[in-house]
N, C-alpha and C. Protein backbone atom coordinates (compact mmCIF):
# COMPACT_ATOMS: atom_id res chain seq x y z
N MET A 1 0.92 -1.27 0.17
CA MET A 1 0.05 -0.08 -0.27
C MET A 1 0.62 1.30 0.03
N ARG A 2 0.55 2.16 -0.95
CA ARG A 2 1.10 3.46 -0.92
C ARG A 2 0.69 4.46 0.17
N ILE A 3 1.35 5.27 0.61
CA ILE A 3 1.06 6.14 1.62
C ILE A 3 -0.33 7.24 1.00
N SER A 4 -0.31 7.40 -0.36
CA SER A 4 -1.36 8.40 -0.73
C SER A 4 -2.42 7.39 -0.48
N ASP A 5 -2.48 5.82 -0.68
CA ASP A 5 -3.66 5.24 -0.66
C ASP A 5 -3.76 4.75 0.98
N PHE A 6 -3.27 5.15 1.86
CA PHE A 6 -3.42 5.30 3.19
C PHE A 6 -4.33 6.48 3.69
N TRP A 7 -3.87 7.72 3.31
CA TRP A 7 -4.49 8.67 3.55
C TRP A 7 -6.05 8.42 2.57
N ARG A 8 -6.41 8.02 1.33
CA ARG A 8 -7.31 8.25 1.00
C ARG A 8 -8.47 7.32 2.02
N LEU A 9 -7.93 6.12 2.46
CA LEU A 9 -8.62 5.45 3.06
C LEU A 9 -8.84 6.22 4.66
N MET A 10 -7.84 6.89 5.01
CA MET A 10 -8.46 7.62 6.25
C MET A 10 -9.21 8.63 5.99
N ASP A 11 -8.86 9.25 5.01
CA ASP A 11 -10.18 10.64 4.60
C ASP A 11 -11.47 10.11 4.12
N ASP A 12 -11.65 8.57 3.88
CA ASP A 12 -12.72 8.37 3.42
C ASP A 12 -13.67 7.89 4.61
N GLU A 13 -12.72 6.91 5.57
CA GLU A 13 -13.43 6.70 6.68
C GLU A 13 -13.83 7.72 7.73
N PHE A 14 -13.04 8.29 8.05
CA PHE A 14 -12.82 9.32 9.18
C PHE A 14 -13.21 11.06 8.78
N GLY A 15 -13.15 11.27 7.60
CA GLY A 15 -13.11 12.79 7.34
C GLY A 15 -11.68 13.28 7.06
N ALA A 16 -11.71 14.17 6.29
CA ALA A 16 -10.13 15.03 5.70
C ALA A 16 -9.66 15.78 7.28
N GLY A 17 -10.51 16.01 7.83
CA GLY A 17 -10.02 17.01 9.30
C GLY A 17 -9.95 16.11 10.26
N TYR A 18 -10.64 15.08 10.37
CA TYR A 18 -10.60 13.93 11.82
C TYR A 18 -9.70 13.50 11.46
N SER A 19 -9.50 12.69 10.21
CA SER A 19 -7.98 11.89 10.04
C SER A 19 -6.83 12.47 10.32
N ARG A 20 -6.39 13.75 10.29
CA ARG A 20 -5.40 14.06 10.62
C ARG A 20 -4.99 14.28 12.02
N VAL A 21 -6.30 14.55 12.94
CA VAL A 21 -6.32 14.69 14.21
C VAL A 21 -6.04 13.40 14.73
N LEU A 22 -6.45 12.14 14.03
CA LEU A 22 -6.37 10.92 14.50
C LEU A 22 -5.07 10.28 14.46
N SER A 23 -4.07 10.80 12.92
CA SER A 23 -2.84 10.19 12.86
C SER A 23 -1.79 10.94 13.75
N SER A 24 -2.04 12.17 14.37
CA SER A 24 -1.31 12.91 14.88
C SER A 24 -1.40 12.35 16.69
N SER A 25 -2.60 12.10 16.96
CA SER A 25 -2.66 12.11 18.34
C SER A 25 -3.47 10.78 18.95
N LEU A 26 -3.53 9.85 18.05
CA LEU A 26 -4.00 8.60 18.74
C LEU A 26 -3.02 7.30 18.79
N SER A 27 -2.73 6.76 19.86
CA SER A 27 -1.36 5.75 20.16
C SER A 27 -2.04 4.50 19.38
N LEU A 28 -1.34 3.53 18.74
CA LEU A 28 -2.02 2.32 18.27
C LEU A 28 -1.14 1.05 18.47
N ALA A 29 -1.50 0.50 19.04
CA ALA A 29 -1.17 -0.53 19.70
C ALA A 29 -0.30 -1.50 18.82
N GLY A 30 -0.76 -1.73 17.77
CA GLY A 30 -0.72 -2.67 16.39
C GLY A 30 0.73 -2.28 15.90
N VAL A 31 1.37 -1.18 16.20
CA VAL A 31 2.71 -0.46 15.77
C VAL A 31 3.48 -0.01 16.75
N GLY A 32 3.30 -0.59 17.82
CA GLY A 32 4.14 -0.21 19.09
C GLY A 32 4.28 0.66 19.83
N GLY A 33 2.75 1.29 19.98
CA GLY A 33 2.14 2.46 20.65
C GLY A 33 2.45 4.17 19.89
N ARG A 34 3.06 3.77 18.70
CA ARG A 34 3.28 5.04 18.08
C ARG A 34 1.88 5.87 17.33
N THR A 35 1.78 6.87 17.02
CA THR A 35 0.54 7.73 16.30
C THR A 35 1.10 6.96 14.86
N ALA A 36 -0.06 7.03 14.13
CA ALA A 36 0.07 6.93 12.97
C ALA A 36 1.44 7.75 11.90
N ASP A 37 1.30 9.21 12.34
CA ASP A 37 2.45 9.84 11.54
C ASP A 37 3.77 9.74 12.01
N GLU A 38 3.79 8.99 13.35
CA GLU A 38 5.12 8.55 14.00
C GLU A 38 5.27 7.42 13.43
N ALA A 39 4.53 6.07 13.04
CA ALA A 39 4.68 5.11 12.63
C ALA A 39 5.34 5.10 11.05
N LEU A 40 4.37 5.89 10.30
CA LEU A 40 4.75 6.24 8.57
C LEU A 40 6.12 6.84 8.72
N ALA A 41 6.38 8.02 9.62
CA ALA A 41 7.61 8.47 9.26
C ALA A 41 8.76 7.45 9.96
N SER A 42 8.57 6.45 10.53
CA SER A 42 10.03 5.30 10.96
C SER A 42 9.68 4.33 9.70
N GLY A 43 8.85 4.64 8.77
CA GLY A 43 9.02 3.51 7.73
C GLY A 43 8.01 2.42 8.00
N ILE A 44 7.27 2.20 8.91
CA ILE A 44 6.39 0.97 9.17
C ILE A 44 5.27 1.05 7.65
N ASN A 45 5.11 0.07 7.22
CA ASN A 45 4.22 -0.15 6.01
C ASN A 45 2.86 0.58 6.18
N PRO A 46 2.18 1.30 5.68
CA PRO A 46 1.29 1.81 5.53
C PRO A 46 -0.06 1.17 6.08
N ARG A 47 -0.19 -0.17 5.09
CA ARG A 47 -0.89 -1.23 5.10
C ARG A 47 -1.19 -1.29 6.82
N ASP A 48 -0.17 -1.95 7.51
CA ASP A 48 -0.01 -1.97 8.63
C ASP A 48 -0.72 -0.92 9.82
N VAL A 49 -0.40 0.39 9.63
CA VAL A 49 -0.51 1.53 10.20
C VAL A 49 -2.15 1.44 10.05
N TRP A 50 -2.59 1.41 8.80
CA TRP A 50 -4.04 1.25 8.41
C TRP A 50 -4.91 0.11 8.93
N LEU A 51 -4.56 -1.27 9.31
CA LEU A 51 -5.14 -1.96 9.82
C LEU A 51 -4.96 -1.94 11.30
N ALA A 52 -3.82 -1.19 11.92
CA ALA A 52 -3.84 -0.66 13.46
C ALA A 52 -4.48 0.17 13.78
N MET A 53 -4.67 1.31 13.01
CA MET A 53 -5.70 2.22 12.84
C MET A 53 -7.44 1.87 13.22
N CYS A 54 -7.55 0.73 12.18
CA CYS A 54 -8.76 0.23 12.13
C CYS A 54 -9.42 -0.73 13.29
N ASP A 55 -8.10 -1.36 14.10
CA ASP A 55 -8.73 -1.84 15.10
C ASP A 55 -8.48 -1.13 16.29
N VAL A 56 -8.19 0.03 16.46
CA VAL A 56 -8.29 0.81 17.10
C VAL A 56 -9.61 1.37 17.28
N GLN A 57 -10.02 1.60 15.98
CA GLN A 57 -11.25 2.86 16.09
C GLN A 57 -12.29 1.35 15.61
N ASP A 58 -12.20 0.48 15.78
CA ASP A 58 -13.62 -0.67 15.52
C ASP A 58 -14.25 -0.55 14.17
N VAL A 59 -13.08 -0.25 12.97
CA VAL A 59 -13.59 -0.04 11.46
C VAL A 59 -14.00 -1.49 11.29
N PRO A 60 -15.40 -1.79 10.72
CA PRO A 60 -15.97 -3.17 10.41
C PRO A 60 -15.07 -3.79 9.57
N ALA A 61 -14.80 -4.97 9.44
CA ALA A 61 -14.18 -5.30 8.39
C ALA A 61 -14.55 -5.16 6.90
N GLU A 62 -15.87 -5.14 6.65
CA GLU A 62 -16.23 -4.80 5.11
C GLU A 62 -15.98 -3.47 4.84
N ARG A 63 -15.62 -2.81 5.82
CA ARG A 63 -14.72 -1.26 5.46
C ARG A 63 -13.49 -1.15 5.48
N ARG A 64 -12.68 -1.96 5.71
CA ARG A 64 -11.47 -1.74 5.57
C ARG A 64 -10.55 -1.71 4.24
N LEU A 65 -11.11 -2.06 3.43
CA LEU A 65 -10.62 -2.08 2.23
C LEU A 65 -10.80 -0.94 1.34
N GLY A 66 -11.58 -0.06 1.99
CA GLY A 66 -12.11 1.43 1.41
C GLY A 66 -13.54 1.23 0.90
N ARG A 67 -14.24 2.56 0.58
CA ARG A 67 -15.73 2.24 0.12
C ARG A 67 -15.64 1.97 -1.10
N ASP A 68 -16.44 1.60 -1.58
CA ASP A 68 -17.05 1.19 -3.08
C ASP A 68 -17.17 2.37 -3.90
N ILE A 69 -16.23 2.42 -5.00
CA ILE A 69 -16.87 3.90 -6.05
C ILE A 69 -17.48 2.96 -7.41
N LYS A 70 -18.62 3.38 -7.38
CA LYS A 70 -19.06 2.72 -8.72
C LYS A 70 -18.62 3.50 -10.12
N PRO A 71 -18.33 2.71 -10.95
CA PRO A 71 -17.86 2.95 -12.17
C PRO A 71 -18.63 4.12 -12.88
N SER A 72 -18.28 5.13 -13.46
CA SER A 72 -19.10 6.07 -14.11
C SER A 72 -19.75 5.32 -15.46
N PRO A 73 -21.07 5.60 -15.81
CA PRO A 73 -21.52 5.22 -16.69
C PRO A 73 -20.87 5.82 -18.03
N SER A 74 -20.31 5.01 -19.17
CA SER A 74 -20.00 5.33 -20.55
C SER A 74 -21.03 5.74 -21.56
């Protein structure tokens, strides 16, 4: 997963403003008690950070891959 995918998932799930608050202030047990920002800065895989965020925030399994975007009609 790319960092841009991580931020897209964060923004889709929590909103653009709140996702930044969560990433800078919420300690994630799944990445050693770091915040998402700290974990990403230290080189932890964005997918692992995303899954740790999902665990702490109780994101249901069906939303962990992101929202479904319907293709536009051609």
